């Protein structure tokens, strides 16, 4: 597996760095102290963000939509760029077309429906069952649990949980999770894949220069107002994730976590992530 050729400790360190936004961003973006939340504070544009570090092959940059803003037309835009954000004299107003027109940039506009890329000869192939523990994209294997957007626990949460296992959460909804990664190919290039709530949308761009550093591009555009980076385990689960899995295994439903004698932050992580 391409992303596991790197030593585990080095890969874990790279994952932690990449799971943040770069300090270079659009004029209307405000980052929180941790650089994991990006909010567009004015207008509908100038919302470009980048990953803090280039992505390793097979490493996904995943964000969750935290806040929407009514009245605008269009949604989140996601992709990759070979431009180091530090090298930009001015951050473009739009990812599409401004950043793309600079070259060496590949961006995919997320819509409410129809984000899947049709690959010739694969229309009839199974997409994989949404309850399988790992998402497989060629040689890349990613824990699916983190990739799937979920509701906040509430009155009808026991119903919604089953619905979300079936992956019916719209791509542009609050709590939806959208990620981007590049997958190495035998010819030395890479394919860009978009993942929405645990489902691979297919190769949305091909022939990327795999030998060059590739940064994630997140355009907090129009009706998408705020997003947060969600860390994804790089090939092996973190201690935090293992604790969550043990807790969830021994309860009937996520609402029962409220009654456990646990720190509030741990309860929130077990319920919402």
C-alpha atoms as a PDB file:
ATOM      1  CA  UNK A   1       0.000   0.000   0.000  1.00  0.00           C
ATOM      2  CA  UNK A   2       1.483   3.258  -1.196  1.00  0.00           C
ATOM      3  CA  UNK A   3       0.973   5.294   1.962  1.00  0.00           C
ATOM      4  CA  UNK A   4       2.392   2.561   4.225  1.00  0.00           C
ATOM      5  CA  UNK A   5       5.851   2.601   2.605  1.00  0.00           C
ATOM      6  CA  UNK A   6       6.672   5.522   4.889  1.00  0.00           C
ATOM      7  CA  UNK A   7       7.760   4.617   8.445  1.00  0.00           C
ATOM      8  CA  UNK A   8       4.698   4.595  10.745  1.00  0.00           C
ATOM      9  CA  UNK A   9       6.071   7.287  13.084  1.00  0.00           C
ATOM     10  CA  UNK A  10       6.946   9.586  10.190  1.00  0.00           C
ATOM     11  CA  UNK A  11       3.558   8.972   8.568  1.00  0.00           C
ATOM     12  CA  UNK A  12       1.709   9.733  11.810  1.00  0.00           C
ATOM     13  CA  UNK A  13       3.629  12.992  12.209  1.00  0.00           C
ATOM     14  CA  UNK A  14       2.866  13.978   8.609  1.00  0.00           C
ATOM     15  CA  UNK A  15      -0.819  13.163   9.136  1.00  0.00           C
ATOM     16  CA  UNK A  16      -1.025  15.426  12.174  1.00  0.00           C
ATOM     17  CA  UNK A  17       0.535  18.316  10.261  1.00  0.00           C
ATOM     18  CA  UNK A  18      -1.569  17.843   7.141  1.00  0.00           C
ATOM     19  CA  UNK A  19      -4.796  17.684   9.175  1.00  0.00           C
ATOM     20  CA  UNK A  20      -4.711  21.473   9.571  1.00  0.00           C
ATOM     21  CA  UNK A  21      -5.249  24.447   7.305  1.00  0.00           C
ATOM     22  CA  UNK A  22      -2.323  26.429   5.946  1.00  0.00           C
ATOM     23  CA  UNK A  23      -1.859  29.931   7.355  1.00  0.00           C
ATOM     24  CA  UNK A  24      -2.097  31.208   3.764  1.00  0.00           C
ATOM     25  CA  UNK A  25      -5.764  31.491   2.773  1.00  0.00           C
ATOM     26  CA  UNK A  26      -8.413  33.646   1.093  1.00  0.00           C
ATOM     27  CA  UNK A  27      -9.133  37.196   2.283  1.00  0.00           C
ATOM     28  CA  UNK A  28     -12.551  36.284   3.722  1.00  0.00           C
ATOM     29  CA  UNK A  29     -11.395  33.220   5.672  1.00  0.00           C
ATOM     30  CA  UNK A  30     -10.836  33.179   9.423  1.00  0.00           C
ATOM     31  CA  UNK A  31      -9.095  30.193  11.031  1.00  0.00           C
ATOM     32  CA  UNK A  32      -9.529  29.148  14.641  1.00  0.00           C
ATOM     33  CA  UNK A  33      -6.522  28.867  16.979  1.00  0.00           C
ATOM     34  CA  UNK A  34      -5.950  25.193  16.076  1.00  0.00           C
ATOM     35  CA  UNK A  35      -6.099  25.902  12.316  1.00  0.00           C
ATOM     36  CA  UNK A  36      -8.641  23.101  11.968  1.00  0.00           C
ATOM     37  CA  UNK A  37     -11.758  25.251  11.450  1.00  0.00           C
ATOM     38  CA  UNK A  38     -12.144  27.639   8.504  1.00  0.00           C
ATOM     39  CA  UNK A  39     -15.042  30.114   8.344  1.00  0.00           C
ATOM     40  CA  UNK A  40     -15.861  32.549   5.541  1.00  0.00           C
ATOM     41  CA  UNK A  41     -16.833  35.740   7.352  1.00  0.00           C
ATOM     42  CA  UNK A  42     -17.948  37.908   4.412  1.00  0.00           C
ATOM     43  CA  UNK A  43     -19.451  37.654   0.921  1.00  0.00           C
ATOM     44  CA  UNK A  44     -19.525  34.315  -0.962  1.00  0.00           C
ATOM     45  CA  UNK A  45     -15.980  34.211  -2.409  1.00  0.00           C
ATOM     46  CA  UNK A  46     -12.334  34.625  -1.320  1.00  0.00           C
ATOM     47  CA  UNK A  47     -12.746  31.427   0.676  1.00  0.00           C
ATOM     48  CA  UNK A  48      -9.740  29.398  -0.514  1.00  0.00           C
ATOM     49  CA  UNK A  49      -7.925  27.202   2.013  1.00  0.00           C
ATOM     50  CA  UNK A  50      -5.040  24.741   1.661  1.00  0.00           C
ATOM     51  CA  UNK A  51      -3.670  21.856   3.692  1.00  0.00           C
ATOM     52  CA  UNK A  52      -0.786  22.871   5.924  1.00  0.00           C
ATOM     53  CA  UNK A  53       1.450  20.213   4.347  1.00  0.00           C
ATOM     54  CA  UNK A  54       1.468  18.338   1.025  1.00  0.00           C
ATOM     55  CA  UNK A  55      -0.444  15.065   1.115  1.00  0.00           C
ATOM     56  CA  UNK A  56       1.388  11.758   1.007  1.00  0.00           C
ATOM     57  CA  UNK A  57       0.180   9.231  -1.610  1.00  0.00           C
ATOM     58  CA  UNK A  58      -3.066   7.697  -0.363  1.00  0.00           C
ATOM     59  CA  UNK A  59      -3.458  10.223   2.469  1.00  0.00           C
ATOM     60  CA  UNK A  60      -6.923  11.791   2.612  1.00  0.00           C
ATOM     61  CA  UNK A  61      -7.630  15.395   3.638  1.00  0.00           C
ATOM     62  CA  UNK A  62     -11.115  15.254   5.158  1.00  0.00           C
ATOM     63  CA  UNK A  63     -13.400  18.124   6.174  1.00  0.00           C
ATOM     64  CA  UNK A  64     -16.849  18.248   7.750  1.00  0.00           C
ATOM     65  CA  UNK A  65     -19.338  20.967   6.804  1.00  0.00           C
ATOM     66  CA  UNK A  66     -20.141  22.762  10.060  1.00  0.00           C
ATOM     67  CA  UNK A  67     -22.210  25.727   8.942  1.00  0.00           C
ATOM     68  CA  UNK A  68     -24.248  26.715   5.881  1.00  0.00           C
ATOM     69  CA  UNK A  69     -25.362  30.153   4.693  1.00  0.00           C
ATOM     70  CA  UNK A  70     -28.628  30.571   2.817  1.00  0.00           C
ATOM     71  CA  UNK A  71     -29.012  32.906  -0.121  1.00  0.00           C
ATOM     72  CA  UNK A  72     -26.006  31.848  -2.205  1.00  0.00           C
ATOM     73  CA  UNK A  73     -25.846  29.540  -5.218  1.00  0.00           C
ATOM     74  CA  UNK A  74     -23.122  26.897  -5.154  1.00  0.00           C
ATOM     75  CA  UNK A  75     -21.358  24.734  -2.583  1.00  0.00           C
ATOM     76  CA  UNK A  76     -17.972  23.513  -1.373  1.00  0.00           C
ATOM     77  CA  UNK A  77     -15.194  22.981  -3.929  1.00  0.00           C
ATOM     78  CA  UNK A  78     -12.426  20.466  -3.284  1.00  0.00           C
ATOM     79  CA  UNK A  79      -9.247  19.406  -5.055  1.00  0.00           C
ATOM     80  CA  UNK A  80      -5.459  19.387  -5.222  1.00  0.00           C
ATOM     81  CA  UNK A  81      -2.788  21.841  -6.349  1.00  0.00           C
ATOM     82  CA  UNK A  82       0.924  21.561  -7.027  1.00  0.00           C
ATOM     83  CA  UNK A  83       1.358  25.241  -6.078  1.00  0.00           C
ATOM     84  CA  UNK A  84       2.934  25.784  -2.669  1.00  0.00           C
ATOM     85  CA  UNK A  85       0.584  28.277  -0.940  1.00  0.00           C
ATOM     86  CA  UNK A  86       3.687  30.171   0.231  1.00  0.00           C
ATOM     87  CA  UNK A  87       4.550  30.865  -3.414  1.00  0.00           C
ATOM     88  CA  UNK A  88       1.273  32.633  -4.214  1.00  0.00           C
ATOM     89  CA  UNK A  89       1.656  36.389  -4.506  1.00  0.00           C
ATOM     90  CA  UNK A  90      -2.100  36.738  -4.010  1.00  0.00           C
ATOM     91  CA  UNK A  91      -4.576  34.015  -3.071  1.00  0.00           C
ATOM     92  CA  UNK A  92      -7.079  33.823  -5.964  1.00  0.00           C
ATOM     93  CA  UNK A  93     -10.678  34.822  -5.349  1.00  0.00           C
ATOM     94  CA  UNK A  94     -12.032  31.515  -6.687  1.00  0.00           C
ATOM     95  CA  UNK A  95     -10.692  27.982  -7.073  1.00  0.00           C
ATOM     96  CA  UNK A  96     -12.821  27.702 -10.222  1.00  0.00           C
ATOM     97  CA  UNK A  97     -11.690  29.182 -12.538  1.00  0.00           C
ATOM     98  CA  UNK A  98      -8.954  31.400 -11.050  1.00  0.00           C
ATOM     99  CA  UNK A  99      -6.689  28.873  -9.291  1.00  0.00           C
ATOM    100  CA  UNK A 100      -7.297  26.201 -11.950  1.00  0.00           C
ATOM    101  CA  UNK A 101      -6.327  28.658 -14.691  1.00  0.00           C
ATOM    102  CA  UNK A 102      -2.902  29.010 -13.044  1.00  0.00           C
ATOM    103  CA  UNK A 103      -2.247  25.400 -14.041  1.00  0.00           C
ATOM    104  CA  UNK A 104      -1.232  22.330 -12.020  1.00  0.00           C
ATOM    105  CA  UNK A 105      -4.516  22.518 -10.079  1.00  0.00           C
ATOM    106  CA  UNK A 106      -7.469  20.138 -10.145  1.00  0.00           C
ATOM    107  CA  UNK A 107     -10.718  21.159  -8.416  1.00  0.00           C
ATOM    108  CA  UNK A 108     -14.113  19.424  -8.212  1.00  0.00           C
ATOM    109  CA  UNK A 109     -17.315  21.376  -7.449  1.00  0.00           C
ATOM    110  CA  UNK A 110     -19.435  19.451  -4.923  1.00  0.00           C
ATOM    111  CA  UNK A 111     -23.155  19.362  -5.717  1.00  0.00           C
ATOM    112  CA  UNK A 112     -26.097  18.082  -3.714  1.00  0.00           C
ATOM    113  CA  UNK A 113     -26.306  15.039  -5.989  1.00  0.00           C
ATOM    114  CA  UNK A 114     -24.482  13.500  -8.965  1.00  0.00           C
ATOM    115  CA  UNK A 115     -20.893  13.795  -7.738  1.00  0.00           C
ATOM    116  CA  UNK A 116     -19.919  10.329  -8.944  1.00  0.00           C
ATOM    117  CA  UNK A 117     -17.513  10.168 -11.881  1.00  0.00           C
ATOM    118  CA  UNK A 118     -18.563   7.555 -14.437  1.00  0.00           C
ATOM    119  CA  UNK A 119     -15.623   5.438 -15.597  1.00  0.00           C
ATOM    120  CA  UNK A 120     -16.033   3.663 -18.906  1.00  0.00           C
ATOM    121  CA  UNK A 121     -16.730  -0.017 -18.401  1.00  0.00           C
ATOM    122  CA  UNK A 122     -17.382   0.331 -14.654  1.00  0.00           C
ATOM    123  CA  UNK A 123     -20.948   1.637 -14.609  1.00  0.00           C
ATOM    124  CA  UNK A 124     -22.340  -1.685 -13.452  1.00  0.00           C
ATOM    125  CA  UNK A 125     -19.731  -2.451 -10.830  1.00  0.00           C
ATOM    126  CA  UNK A 126     -20.720  -2.588  -7.180  1.00  0.00           C
ATOM    127  CA  UNK A 127     -19.755   0.477  -5.146  1.00  0.00           C
ATOM    128  CA  UNK A 128     -19.010  -1.496  -2.011  1.00  0.00           C
ATOM    129  CA  UNK A 129     -21.218  -1.880   1.019  1.00  0.00           C
ATOM    130  CA  UNK A 130     -21.356   1.266   3.187  1.00  0.00           C
ATOM    131  CA  UNK A 131     -21.066  -0.758   6.412  1.00  0.00           C
ATOM    132  CA  UNK A 132     -17.733  -2.372   5.454  1.00  0.00           C
ATOM    133  CA  UNK A 133     -15.027  -1.219   7.934  1.00  0.00           C
ATOM    134  CA  UNK A 134     -12.594   0.028   5.288  1.00  0.00           C
ATOM    135  CA  UNK A 135     -12.920   2.010   2.085  1.00  0.00           C
ATOM    136  CA  UNK A 136     -10.694   0.522  -0.621  1.00  0.00           C
ATOM    137  CA  UNK A 137      -9.461   2.773  -3.436  1.00  0.00           C
ATOM    138  CA  UNK A 138      -7.088   0.669  -5.520  1.00  0.00           C
ATOM    139  CA  UNK A 139      -4.145  -0.030  -3.163  1.00  0.00           C
ATOM    140  CA  UNK A 140      -5.289   2.503  -0.552  1.00  0.00           C
ATOM    141  CA  UNK A 141      -7.259   1.371   2.512  1.00  0.00           C
ATOM    142  CA  UNK A 142      -8.949   3.972   4.763  1.00  0.00           C
ATOM    143  CA  UNK A 143     -11.021   3.341   7.933  1.00  0.00           C
ATOM    144  CA  UNK A 144     -14.565   4.114   6.783  1.00  0.00           C
ATOM    145  CA  UNK A 145     -15.977   5.000  10.202  1.00  0.00           C
ATOM    146  CA  UNK A 146     -14.253   8.396  10.279  1.00  0.00           C
ATOM    147  CA  UNK A 147     -15.279   9.197   6.710  1.00  0.00           C
ATOM    148  CA  UNK A 148     -19.050   9.021   7.235  1.00  0.00           C
ATOM    149  CA  UNK A 149     -21.003  12.095   8.335  1.00  0.00           C
ATOM    150  CA  UNK A 150     -23.420  11.591  11.215  1.00  0.00           C
ATOM    151  CA  UNK A 151     -26.216  13.423  12.952  1.00  0.00           C
ATOM    152  CA  UNK A 152     -25.874  14.937  16.362  1.00  0.00           C
ATOM    153  CA  UNK A 153     -27.625  12.702  18.892  1.00  0.00           C
ATOM    154  CA  UNK A 154     -31.238  13.722  19.288  1.00  0.00           C
ATOM    155  CA  UNK A 155     -34.800  12.540  19.603  1.00  0.00           C
ATOM    156  CA  UNK A 156     -34.748  10.520  16.382  1.00  0.00           C
ATOM    157  CA  UNK A 157     -31.050   9.633  16.429  1.00  0.00           C
ATOM    158  CA  UNK A 158     -31.742   5.893  16.628  1.00  0.00           C
ATOM    159  CA  UNK A 159     -33.501   6.152  13.255  1.00  0.00           C
ATOM    160  CA  UNK A 160     -30.944   8.451  11.666  1.00  0.00           C
ATOM    161  CA  UNK A 161     -28.013   6.218  12.606  1.00  0.00           C
ATOM    162  CA  UNK A 162     -29.366   3.443  10.404  1.00  0.00           C
ATOM    163  CA  UNK A 163     -30.024   5.895   7.586  1.00  0.00           C
ATOM    164  CA  UNK A 164     -26.483   7.226   7.687  1.00  0.00           C
ATOM    165  CA  UNK A 165     -25.112   3.677   7.531  1.00  0.00           C
ATOM    166  CA  UNK A 166     -26.907   3.559   4.171  1.00  0.00           C
ATOM    167  CA  UNK A 167     -25.125   6.769   3.125  1.00  0.00           C
ATOM    168  CA  UNK A 168     -28.175   8.947   2.405  1.00  0.00           C
ATOM    169  CA  UNK A 169     -26.780  12.170   3.901  1.00  0.00           C
ATOM    170  CA  UNK A 170     -26.641  14.721   1.043  1.00  0.00           C
ATOM    171  CA  UNK A 171     -23.133  15.757   0.040  1.00  0.00           C
ATOM    172  CA  UNK A 172     -23.737  19.436   0.787  1.00  0.00           C
ATOM    173  CA  UNK A 173     -25.595  18.982   4.109  1.00  0.00           C
ATOM    174  CA  UNK A 174     -24.316  20.030   7.515  1.00  0.00           C
ATOM    175  CA  UNK A 175     -22.223  17.210   9.064  1.00  0.00           C
ATOM    176  CA  UNK A 176     -21.423  15.820   5.628  1.00  0.00           C
ATOM    177  CA  UNK A 177     -17.774  14.773   5.322  1.00  0.00           C
ATOM    178  CA  UNK A 178     -15.828  15.303   2.108  1.00  0.00           C
ATOM    179  CA  UNK A 179     -12.242  14.301   1.450  1.00  0.00           C
ATOM    180  CA  UNK A 180      -9.639  14.382  -1.311  1.00  0.00           C
ATOM    181  CA  UNK A 181      -6.592  12.203  -1.958  1.00  0.00           C
ATOM    182  CA  UNK A 182      -4.268  11.158  -4.760  1.00  0.00           C
ATOM    183  CA  UNK A 183      -3.598   7.529  -5.655  1.00  0.00           C
ATOM    184  CA  UNK A 184      -0.336   6.511  -7.403  1.00  0.00           C
ATOM    185  CA  UNK A 185      -0.591   4.825 -10.811  1.00  0.00           C
ATOM    186  CA  UNK A 186       1.812   2.387 -12.544  1.00  0.00           C
ATOM    187  CA  UNK A 187       2.878   5.043 -15.083  1.00  0.00           C
ATOM    188  CA  UNK A 188       4.238   7.310 -12.343  1.00  0.00           C
ATOM    189  CA  UNK A 189       1.282   9.715 -12.318  1.00  0.00           C
ATOM    190  CA  UNK A 190      -1.581   9.870  -9.825  1.00  0.00           C
ATOM    191  CA  UNK A 191      -5.392   9.947  -9.907  1.00  0.00           C
ATOM    192  CA  UNK A 192      -7.358  12.372  -7.722  1.00  0.00           C
ATOM    193  CA  UNK A 193     -10.300  10.869  -5.854  1.00  0.00           C
ATOM    194  CA  UNK A 194     -13.080  12.643  -3.963  1.00  0.00           C
ATOM    195  CA  UNK A 195     -14.693  10.746  -1.058  1.00  0.00           C
ATOM    196  CA  UNK A 196     -18.133  11.793   0.204  1.00  0.00           C
ATOM    197  CA  UNK A 197     -19.463  10.245   3.425  1.00  0.00           C
ATOM    198  CA  UNK A 198     -17.374   7.121   3.006  1.00  0.00           C
ATOM    199  CA  UNK A 199     -18.089   6.596  -0.684  1.00  0.00           C
ATOM    200  CA  UNK A 200     -15.465   6.980  -3.406  1.00  0.00           C
ATOM    201  CA  UNK A 201     -16.738   9.211  -6.227  1.00  0.00           C
ATOM    202  CA  UNK A 202     -14.162   7.791  -8.649  1.00  0.00           C
ATOM    203  CA  UNK A 203     -11.116   9.370 -10.359  1.00  0.00           C
ATOM    204  CA  UNK A 204     -12.197  12.985 -10.887  1.00  0.00           C
ATOM    205  CA  UNK A 205      -8.791  13.874 -12.392  1.00  0.00           C
ATOM    206  CA  UNK A 206      -6.013  11.762 -13.898  1.00  0.00           C
ATOM    207  CA  UNK A 207      -2.374  12.282 -14.790  1.00  0.00           C
ATOM    208  CA  UNK A 208      -1.423  14.360 -11.737  1.00  0.00           C
ATOM    209  CA  UNK A 209       2.362  14.791 -11.237  1.00  0.00           C
ATOM    210  CA  UNK A 210       2.914  12.315  -8.410  1.00  0.00           C
ATOM    211  CA  UNK A 211       6.558  13.386  -8.019  1.00  0.00           C
ATOM    212  CA  UNK A 212       5.559  16.939  -7.046  1.00  0.00           C
ATOM    213  CA  UNK A 213       4.146  17.987  -3.637  1.00  0.00           C
ATOM    214  CA  UNK A 214       0.347  18.159  -3.851  1.00  0.00           C
ATOM    215  CA  UNK A 215      -1.632  20.291  -1.385  1.00  0.00           C
ATOM    216  CA  UNK A 216      -5.337  19.876  -0.660  1.00  0.00           C
ATOM    217  CA  UNK A 217      -7.562  22.738  -1.833  1.00  0.00           C
ATOM    218  CA  UNK A 218     -10.758  23.527   0.084  1.00  0.00           C
ATOM    219  CA  UNK A 219     -12.844  26.397  -1.298  1.00  0.00           C
ATOM    220  CA  UNK A 220     -15.405  27.466   1.332  1.00  0.00           C
ATOM    221  CA  UNK A 221     -17.679  28.816  -1.358  1.00  0.00           C
ATOM    222  CA  UNK A 222     -21.216  30.291  -1.469  1.00  0.00           C
ATOM    223  CA  UNK A 223     -23.683  28.334   0.700  1.00  0.00           C
ATOM    224  CA  UNK A 224     -20.868  26.509   2.547  1.00  0.00           C
ATOM    225  CA  UNK A 225     -19.811  28.868   5.343  1.00  0.00           C
ATOM    226  CA  UNK A 226     -17.643  26.879   7.753  1.00  0.00           C
ATOM    227  CA  UNK A 227     -15.743  23.574   7.626  1.00  0.00           C
ATOM    228  CA  UNK A 228     -13.557  21.654  10.058  1.00  0.00           C
ATOM    229  CA  UNK A 229     -10.672  19.276   9.338  1.00  0.00           C
ATOM    230  CA  UNK A 230     -11.291  15.737  10.598  1.00  0.00           C
ATOM    231  CA  UNK A 231      -8.078  13.781  11.343  1.00  0.00           C
ATOM    232  CA  UNK A 232      -7.977  10.354   9.693  1.00  0.00           C
ATOM    233  CA  UNK A 233      -5.819   7.530  10.986  1.00  0.00           C
ATOM    234  CA  UNK A 234      -3.029   6.756   8.526  1.00  0.00           C
ATOM    235  CA  UNK A 235      -3.152   2.987   8.246  1.00  0.00           C
ATOM    236  CA  UNK A 236      -3.410   2.297  11.989  1.00  0.00           C
ATOM    237  CA  UNK A 237      -5.879   3.511  14.635  1.00  0.00           C
ATOM    238  CA  UNK A 238      -4.937   6.091  17.241  1.00  0.00           C
ATOM    239  CA  UNK A 239      -5.319   5.401  20.972  1.00  0.00           C
ATOM    240  CA  UNK A 240      -8.210   7.881  20.969  1.00  0.00           C
ATOM    241  CA  UNK A 241      -9.983   5.925  18.230  1.00  0.00           C
ATOM    242  CA  UNK A 242      -9.407   2.587  20.003  1.00  0.00           C
ATOM    243  CA  UNK A 243     -10.937   3.992  23.218  1.00  0.00           C
ATOM    244  CA  UNK A 244     -13.961   5.222  21.299  1.00  0.00           C
ATOM    245  CA  UNK A 245     -14.497   1.846  19.627  1.00  0.00           C
ATOM    246  CA  UNK A 246     -14.349   0.015  22.975  1.00  0.00           C
ATOM    247  CA  UNK A 247     -16.865   2.429  24.546  1.00  0.00           C
ATOM    248  CA  UNK A 248     -19.249   2.238  21.589  1.00  0.00           C
ATOM    249  CA  UNK A 249     -19.058  -1.567  21.559  1.00  0.00           C
ATOM    250  CA  UNK A 250     -20.425  -1.775  25.107  1.00  0.00           C
ATOM    251  CA  UNK A 251     -23.420   0.547  24.788  1.00  0.00           C
ATOM    252  CA  UNK A 252     -26.788   0.041  23.143  1.00  0.00           C
ATOM    253  CA  UNK A 253     -26.904   3.442  21.467  1.00  0.00           C
ATOM    254  CA  UNK A 254     -24.888   6.672  21.301  1.00  0.00           C
ATOM    255  CA  UNK A 255     -27.452   8.496  23.472  1.00  0.00           C
ATOM    256  CA  UNK A 256     -26.442   6.196  26.355  1.00  0.00           C
ATOM    257  CA  UNK A 257     -22.973   7.782  26.374  1.00  0.00           C
ATOM    258  CA  UNK A 258     -24.442  10.805  28.189  1.00  0.00           C
ATOM    259  CA  UNK A 259     -24.964   8.654  31.289  1.00  0.00           C
ATOM    260  CA  UNK A 260     -21.383   7.373  31.464  1.00  0.00           C
ATOM    261  CA  UNK A 261     -18.875   8.731  33.992  1.00  0.00           C
ATOM    262  CA  UNK A 262     -16.516  10.125  31.348  1.00  0.00           C
ATOM    263  CA  UNK A 263     -14.919  13.532  30.673  1.00  0.00           C
ATOM    264  CA  UNK A 264     -17.177  15.747  28.504  1.00  0.00           C
ATOM    265  CA  UNK A 265     -14.645  15.921  25.649  1.00  0.00           C
ATOM    266  CA  UNK A 266     -14.434  12.119  25.473  1.00  0.00           C
ATOM    267  CA  UNK A 267     -18.232  11.856  25.485  1.00  0.00           C
ATOM    268  CA  UNK A 268     -18.462  14.323  22.621  1.00  0.00           C
ATOM    269  CA  UNK A 269     -15.833  12.453  20.611  1.00  0.00           C
ATOM    270  CA  UNK A 270     -17.628   9.141  21.117  1.00  0.00           C
ATOM    271  CA  UNK A 271     -21.002  10.586  20.135  1.00  0.00           C
ATOM    272  CA  UNK A 272     -20.178  12.779  17.203  1.00  0.00           C
ATOM    273  CA  UNK A 273     -17.065  11.559  15.430  1.00  0.00           C
END
